Amino acid sequence: MKKKFLIIQTAFIGDVILATPIINNLYNCGIPIEIDVLVKKENASVLKNHKQINAIFTLDKTSKLRSSLKLISQFRKNKYDVVVNLHRFASSGIITACSGASTRIGFDKNPLSIFYTKKYQHRIGDGTHEVDRNLQLIKDWVKTPDRRPNLELNGNDTDQVIQYQDTPYICLAPSSVWATKEAPAGIWIKTINEAPISIKRFYLLGAPGDFEKCENIKVAIKNKQVINLCGKLNLRASASLMAEAAMNYVNDSAPLHLASSVNAPVKAFFCSTSPSFGFGPLSEDSEIIEVTNLACKPCGLHGHKVCPKGHFKCGKNLLY
């Protein structure tokens, strides 16, 4: 009989991507396992058609209480053997505590961890990668884990981008949820202008809301073929495009983890945050670019809407 696992990660899309090693390693651990996952409603598409996932459940945060109660009812009917909660906040802690699973595992930072059967420390800032923090939660089943994220891309994902891959290209993802995580526009313009002559095309990637920002970068470039794909590709297709790029330039944001998921070459700008938090690239060909001589950096785990000091030197000084 298969052991039934539920994996919970209801944080940002990058966190969901970094949860995939849990899924991959459990699936291949040598015992019969059935894996369901719970993510935020808007993040479910990134795991679509993942061969190792039995079912994807979604938390609707616009109606969190109602959605949570409905999920708890469903999970108790599903009779999970193990719930592994990677999320550190109360909403997922309540779901875990009330799931009915005999084994409930998560991080001690979750305020509901008192109801877990086993909990682990979640240290940020000591250089431990988030993937390794997550993998400690399944060490009872997996002794030598594979650390790289994997989205299980399929033919539909690759078919969407074949038309863009007829010449050497570079992908750039200039946007982030947090303004102080974004390298300034001048960085992206400089990167394109100084690219090797062998690179014939440059793709700007992002969500529909990033289109105008990327369009401003595009119009500043002369004598280069720059194509603004913001809103035209979903995350999985973006990962497929990044996989074959000569290089990918990203912030400390979700596209960084997309690059890791396909082992794509990547250079990551870290402005207000730090790779010591554990969210750096995992690709074999990767580089972190940051300003290292600022007393005010890092200024927060997630960044800010504006620089707390008013100067944003962690971003602007990247230009020099």
Protein backbone atom coordinates (compact mmCIF):
# COMPACT_ATOMS: atom_id res chain seq x y z
CA MET A 1 0.00 0.00 0.00
CA LYS A 2 1.29 3.47 -0.89
CA LYS A 3 2.19 5.90 1.87
CA LYS A 4 0.22 9.11 1.29
CA PHE A 5 2.09 12.42 1.59
CA LEU A 6 0.79 15.99 1.46
CA ILE A 7 3.39 18.71 0.76
CA ILE A 8 2.36 22.27 1.71
CA GLN A 9 4.02 25.40 0.33
CA THR A 10 1.64 28.37 0.13
CA ALA A 11 4.26 31.12 -0.14
CA PHE A 12 5.65 32.79 -3.29
CA ILE A 13 6.15 31.10 -6.65
CA GLY A 14 9.92 30.89 -6.11
CA ASP A 15 9.30 28.99 -2.88
CA VAL A 16 7.11 26.52 -4.76
CA ILE A 17 9.89 25.91 -7.28
CA LEU A 18 12.34 25.33 -4.42
CA ALA A 19 9.90 22.79 -2.95
CA THR A 20 10.17 20.49 -5.97
CA PRO A 21 13.28 18.66 -4.68
CA ILE A 22 11.07 17.42 -1.82
CA ILE A 23 8.65 15.96 -4.36
CA ASN A 24 11.37 14.49 -6.58
CA ASN A 25 13.28 12.88 -3.73
CA LEU A 26 10.25 11.40 -1.99
CA TYR A 27 8.98 9.95 -5.26
CA ASN A 28 12.32 8.24 -5.86
CA CYS A 29 13.07 7.17 -2.27
CA GLY A 30 12.42 3.49 -2.90
CA ILE A 31 9.08 2.96 -1.18
CA PRO A 32 5.60 3.29 -2.74
CA ILE A 33 4.50 6.89 -2.19
CA GLU A 34 1.58 9.01 -3.42
CA ILE A 35 2.23 12.75 -3.30
CA ASP A 36 -0.33 15.55 -3.20
CA VAL A 37 0.57 19.22 -2.90
CA LEU A 38 -1.07 22.38 -1.58
CA VAL A 39 -0.08 25.76 -3.05
CA LYS A 40 -1.65 29.16 -3.47
CA LYS A 41 -4.28 29.23 -6.20
CA GLU A 42 -2.21 31.52 -8.45
CA ASN A 43 0.86 29.25 -8.23
CA ALA A 44 -0.73 25.95 -9.23
CA SER A 45 0.06 26.29 -12.94
CA VAL A 46 3.80 25.97 -12.41
CA LEU A 47 3.32 22.37 -11.20
CA LYS A 48 0.80 21.45 -13.89
CA ASN A 49 1.38 18.01 -15.44
CA HIS A 50 4.17 17.19 -12.98
CA LYS A 51 4.44 13.41 -13.34
CA GLN A 52 5.32 12.82 -9.70
CA ILE A 53 2.31 14.66 -8.27
CA ASN A 54 -0.98 12.82 -7.77
CA ALA A 55 -3.16 15.89 -7.04
CA ILE A 56 -2.73 19.64 -6.67
CA PHE A 57 -4.88 21.47 -4.11
CA THR A 58 -5.06 25.25 -3.95
CA LEU A 59 -5.55 27.75 -1.14
CA ASP A 60 -7.60 30.78 -2.17
CA LYS A 61 -6.17 33.60 -0.07
CA THR A 62 -8.95 35.98 -1.14
CA SER A 63 -11.23 33.81 1.00
CA LYS A 64 -8.67 32.21 3.28
CA LEU A 65 -10.91 31.01 6.12
CA ARG A 66 -13.51 29.39 3.88
CA SER A 67 -10.83 27.87 1.66
CA SER A 68 -8.88 26.54 4.66
CA LEU A 69 -11.93 24.90 6.23
CA LYS A 70 -12.83 23.24 2.95
CA LEU A 71 -9.26 21.96 2.54
CA ILE A 72 -9.11 20.61 6.09
CA SER A 73 -12.31 18.68 5.50
CA GLN A 74 -10.94 17.22 2.27
CA PHE A 75 -7.57 16.34 3.78
CA ARG A 76 -9.13 14.50 6.70
CA LYS A 77 -11.09 12.41 4.18
CA ASN A 78 -7.90 11.71 2.24
CA LYS A 79 -6.30 10.15 5.34
CA TYR A 80 -2.71 11.24 4.75
CA ASP A 81 0.04 9.36 6.50
CA VAL A 82 2.41 12.34 6.43
CA VAL A 83 1.97 16.10 6.02
CA VAL A 84 5.16 18.07 5.32
CA ASN A 85 4.63 21.81 5.74
CA LEU A 86 7.36 24.01 4.23
CA HIS A 87 5.44 27.22 4.97
CA ARG A 88 6.26 29.05 8.19
CA PHE A 89 3.06 30.96 8.89
CA ALA A 90 -0.14 30.31 10.79
CA SER A 91 -2.53 29.62 7.91
CA SER A 92 -0.64 26.53 6.80
CA GLY A 93 0.07 25.57 10.41
CA ILE A 94 -3.66 25.35 11.14
CA ILE A 95 -4.22 23.17 8.07
CA THR A 96 -1.33 20.91 9.09
CA ALA A 97 -2.47 20.62 12.70
CA CYS A 98 -6.03 19.77 11.68
CA SER A 99 -5.16 17.50 8.74
CA GLY A 100 -5.66 14.26 10.64
CA ALA A 101 -2.28 12.94 9.49
CA SER A 102 -0.46 10.75 12.00
CA THR A 103 2.88 12.40 11.10
CA ARG A 104 3.00 16.18 10.85
CA ILE A 105 6.37 17.74 10.02
CA GLY A 106 7.44 21.36 9.61
CA PHE A 107 9.56 24.24 10.85
CA ASP A 108 9.67 25.48 14.42
CA LYS A 109 9.01 29.07 13.24
CA ASN A 110 5.43 28.18 12.41
CA PRO A 111 3.27 29.37 15.35
CA LEU A 112 1.27 26.11 15.16
CA SER A 113 4.37 23.89 15.28
CA ILE A 114 3.41 22.90 18.83
CA PHE A 115 0.94 20.54 17.16
CA TYR A 116 3.55 18.91 14.89
CA THR A 117 4.90 15.46 15.62
CA LYS A 118 8.36 16.58 14.47
CA LYS A 119 9.77 20.04 13.82
CA TYR A 120 13.07 21.42 12.59
CA GLN A 121 14.91 24.72 12.94
CA HIS A 122 14.72 27.17 10.06
CA ARG A 123 17.86 29.32 10.12
CA ILE A 124 18.20 32.20 7.67
CA GLY A 125 21.46 34.07 7.17
CA ASP A 126 24.05 31.35 7.78
CA GLY A 127 24.43 30.46 4.10
CA THR A 128 22.24 27.35 4.19
CA HIS A 129 20.22 27.11 1.00
CA GLU A 130 16.43 26.96 1.22
CA VAL A 131 16.48 23.65 -0.64
CA ASP A 132 18.67 22.15 2.10
CA ARG A 133 16.46 23.59 4.83
CA ASN A 134 13.49 21.93 3.15
CA LEU A 135 15.22 18.60 2.57
CA GLN A 136 15.95 18.13 6.27
CA LEU A 137 12.20 17.63 6.75
CA ILE A 138 12.28 14.36 4.79
CA LYS A 139 15.58 12.94 6.03
CA ASP A 140 13.71 10.00 7.60
CA TRP A 141 13.01 8.78 4.06
CA VAL A 142 15.81 10.32 1.95
CA LYS A 143 19.47 10.08 2.96
CA THR A 144 21.33 11.40 -0.13
CA PRO A 145 18.97 13.88 -1.81
CA ASP A 146 19.19 15.50 -5.23
CA ARG A 147 19.20 19.26 -4.56
CA ARG A 148 18.19 20.66 -7.94
CA PRO A 149 14.60 21.84 -8.50
CA ASN A 150 12.74 20.23 -11.40
CA LEU A 151 9.45 21.38 -12.93
CA GLU A 152 9.05 18.36 -15.24
CA LEU A 153 8.67 20.42 -18.43
CA ASN A 154 6.86 18.72 -21.32
CA GLY A 155 6.47 19.08 -25.06
CA ASN A 156 3.80 21.73 -24.76
CA ASP A 157 6.18 23.94 -22.78
CA THR A 158 8.98 23.59 -25.33
CA ASP A 159 6.66 23.96 -28.33
CA GLN A 160 5.64 27.43 -27.14
CA VAL A 161 9.20 28.78 -27.46
CA ILE A 162 10.68 27.00 -30.49
CA GLN A 163 9.91 30.05 -32.63
CA TYR A 164 12.23 32.15 -30.46
CA GLN A 165 15.20 29.80 -30.53
CA ASP A 166 16.46 30.10 -34.12
CA THR A 167 19.46 32.27 -33.19
CA PRO A 168 21.76 32.73 -30.16
CA TYR A 169 19.96 34.72 -27.48
CA ILE A 170 20.04 36.01 -23.91
CA CYS A 171 17.06 36.21 -21.52
CA LEU A 172 16.67 39.02 -18.99
CA ALA A 173 14.05 39.27 -16.22
CA PRO A 174 14.24 42.84 -14.84
CA SER A 175 11.26 42.81 -12.44
CA SER A 176 10.53 41.62 -8.91
CA VAL A 177 7.64 41.80 -6.46
CA TRP A 178 9.91 44.03 -4.32
CA ALA A 179 11.35 47.23 -5.80
CA THR A 180 14.61 47.04 -3.85
CA LYS A 181 15.28 43.59 -5.31
CA GLU A 182 15.27 45.04 -8.81
CA ALA A 183 18.54 46.05 -10.43
CA PRO A 184 18.08 49.54 -11.97
CA ALA A 185 17.11 49.90 -15.63
CA GLY A 186 20.64 51.05 -16.43
CA ILE A 187 21.99 47.61 -15.48
CA TRP A 188 19.80 45.83 -18.01
CA ILE A 189 20.57 48.38 -20.71
CA LYS A 190 24.31 48.06 -20.04
CA THR A 191 24.10 44.26 -20.04
CA ILE A 192 22.45 44.21 -23.46
CA ASN A 193 24.74 46.84 -24.97
CA GLU A 194 27.89 45.03 -23.76
CA ALA A 195 26.80 41.52 -24.78
CA PRO A 196 29.06 39.53 -27.15
CA ILE A 197 28.51 40.19 -30.86
CA SER A 198 27.55 36.53 -31.28
CA ILE A 199 24.29 37.18 -29.39
CA LYS A 200 21.69 38.18 -31.95
CA ARG A 201 18.57 38.55 -29.82
CA PHE A 202 17.53 39.56 -26.32
CA TYR A 203 14.28 38.49 -24.62
CA LEU A 204 12.76 40.45 -21.74
CA LEU A 205 10.70 38.15 -19.52
CA GLY A 206 8.05 38.93 -16.92
CA ALA A 207 4.37 39.07 -16.05
CA PRO A 208 1.82 41.23 -17.90
CA GLY A 209 2.28 43.96 -15.30
CA ASP A 210 5.99 44.14 -16.11
CA PHE A 211 5.44 44.98 -19.78
CA GLU A 212 5.76 48.78 -19.52
CA LYS A 213 8.91 48.59 -17.39
CA CYS A 214 10.55 46.25 -19.89
CA GLU A 215 9.30 48.31 -22.84
CA ASN A 216 11.19 51.32 -21.44
CA ILE A 217 14.35 49.21 -21.42
CA LYS A 218 13.67 48.01 -24.94
CA VAL A 219 13.26 51.50 -26.43
CA ALA A 220 16.53 52.62 -24.81
CA ILE A 221 18.49 50.01 -26.80
CA LYS A 222 19.85 50.98 -30.22
CA ASN A 223 21.06 48.56 -32.92
CA LYS A 224 20.08 45.41 -30.96
CA GLN A 225 17.11 43.09 -31.47
CA VAL A 226 15.22 43.24 -28.18
CA ILE A 227 11.85 41.50 -27.82
CA ASN A 228 9.50 42.18 -24.91
CA LEU A 229 7.81 38.88 -23.97
CA CYS A 230 6.23 40.06 -20.71
CA GLY A 231 2.83 38.43 -20.36
CA LYS A 232 3.29 36.30 -23.48
CA LEU A 233 4.82 33.21 -21.86
CA ASN A 234 3.75 31.34 -18.77
CA LEU A 235 6.35 30.37 -16.17
CA ARG A 236 6.94 26.90 -17.57
CA ALA A 237 7.44 28.18 -21.12
CA SER A 238 9.75 30.89 -19.75
CA ALA A 239 11.83 28.16 -18.08
CA SER A 240 12.00 26.29 -21.38
CA LEU A 241 13.23 29.42 -23.15
CA MET A 242 15.81 30.07 -20.43
CA ALA A 243 17.11 26.49 -20.69
CA GLU A 244 18.60 27.11 -24.13
CA ALA A 245 19.78 30.70 -23.61
CA ALA A 246 23.45 31.60 -23.87
CA MET A 247 22.95 33.38 -20.54
CA ASN A 248 20.10 34.49 -18.28
CA TYR A 249 20.21 37.66 -16.18
CA VAL A 250 17.83 37.80 -13.20
CA ASN A 251 17.20 39.43 -9.83
CA ASP A 252 16.79 37.63 -6.51
CA SER A 253 13.33 36.58 -7.66
CA ALA A 254 11.31 33.75 -9.20
CA PRO A 255 13.13 33.70 -12.60
CA LEU A 256 16.34 32.85 -10.71
CA HIS A 257 14.70 29.65 -9.49
CA LEU A 258 13.26 28.94 -12.93
CA ALA A 259 16.84 28.96 -14.21
CA SER A 260 17.86 26.54 -11.46
CA SER A 261 14.98 24.21 -12.34
CA VAL A 262 16.37 23.67 -15.86
CA ASN A 263 20.06 24.02 -14.94
CA ALA A 264 20.30 27.09 -17.19
CA PRO A 265 23.32 29.42 -17.11
CA VAL A 266 22.47 32.42 -14.95
CA LYS A 267 23.87 35.62 -13.51
CA ALA A 268 21.86 36.96 -10.57
CA PHE A 269 21.81 40.54 -9.30
CA PHE A 270 21.37 40.70 -5.51
CA CYS A 271 20.51 44.25 -4.50
CA SER A 272 18.95 44.74 -1.05
CA THR A 273 19.01 41.04 -0.12
CA SER A 274 21.86 38.57 0.30
CA PRO A 275 22.61 35.08 -1.05
CA SER A 276 23.45 34.14 2.55
CA PHE A 277 19.67 33.96 3.11
CA GLY A 278 19.69 30.77 1.05
CA PHE A 279 17.96 31.70 -2.20
CA GLY A 280 20.90 31.79 -4.59
CA PRO A 281 21.14 29.96 -7.94
CA LEU A 282 21.67 26.20 -8.11
CA SER A 283 22.64 25.97 -11.79
CA GLU A 284 26.08 24.56 -12.53
CA ASP A 285 26.95 27.73 -14.48
CA SER A 286 25.95 30.53 -12.14
CA GLU A 287 27.29 33.81 -10.80
CA ILE A 288 26.09 36.23 -8.14
CA ILE A 289 26.61 39.93 -8.77
CA GLU A 290 26.26 42.28 -5.80
CA VAL A 291 27.69 45.27 -3.99
CA THR A 292 29.51 43.92 -0.93
CA ASN A 293 30.79 47.00 0.92
CA LEU A 294 27.54 48.46 2.25
CA ALA A 295 26.82 48.44 5.99
CA CYS A 296 23.06 48.68 5.30
CA LYS A 297 22.96 45.58 3.07
CA PRO A 298 21.05 43.33 3.47
CA CYS A 299 18.17 45.42 4.77
CA GLY A 300 15.50 42.73 4.87
CA LEU A 301 14.59 39.22 3.82
CA HIS A 302 12.07 40.21 1.15
CA GLY A 303 13.24 43.68 0.21
CA HIS A 304 11.18 46.89 0.37
CA LYS A 305 9.00 49.08 -1.81
CA VAL A 306 11.63 51.81 -1.51
CA CYS A 307 15.16 51.94 -0.09
CA PRO A 308 14.93 52.56 3.69
CA LYS A 309 18.02 54.81 3.45
CA GLY A 310 16.83 56.67 0.38
CA HIS A 311 19.97 56.08 -1.72
CA PHE A 312 19.58 52.52 -3.10
CA LYS A 313 23.34 52.12 -3.43
CA CYS A 314 23.02 48.31 -3.42
CA GLY A 315 21.39 48.67 -6.83
CA LYS A 316 22.85 51.84 -8.31
CA ASN A 317 26.45 50.92 -7.45
CA LEU A 318 26.15 47.81 -9.61
CA LEU A 319 26.66 50.16 -12.56
CA TYR A 320 30.25 50.96 -11.59
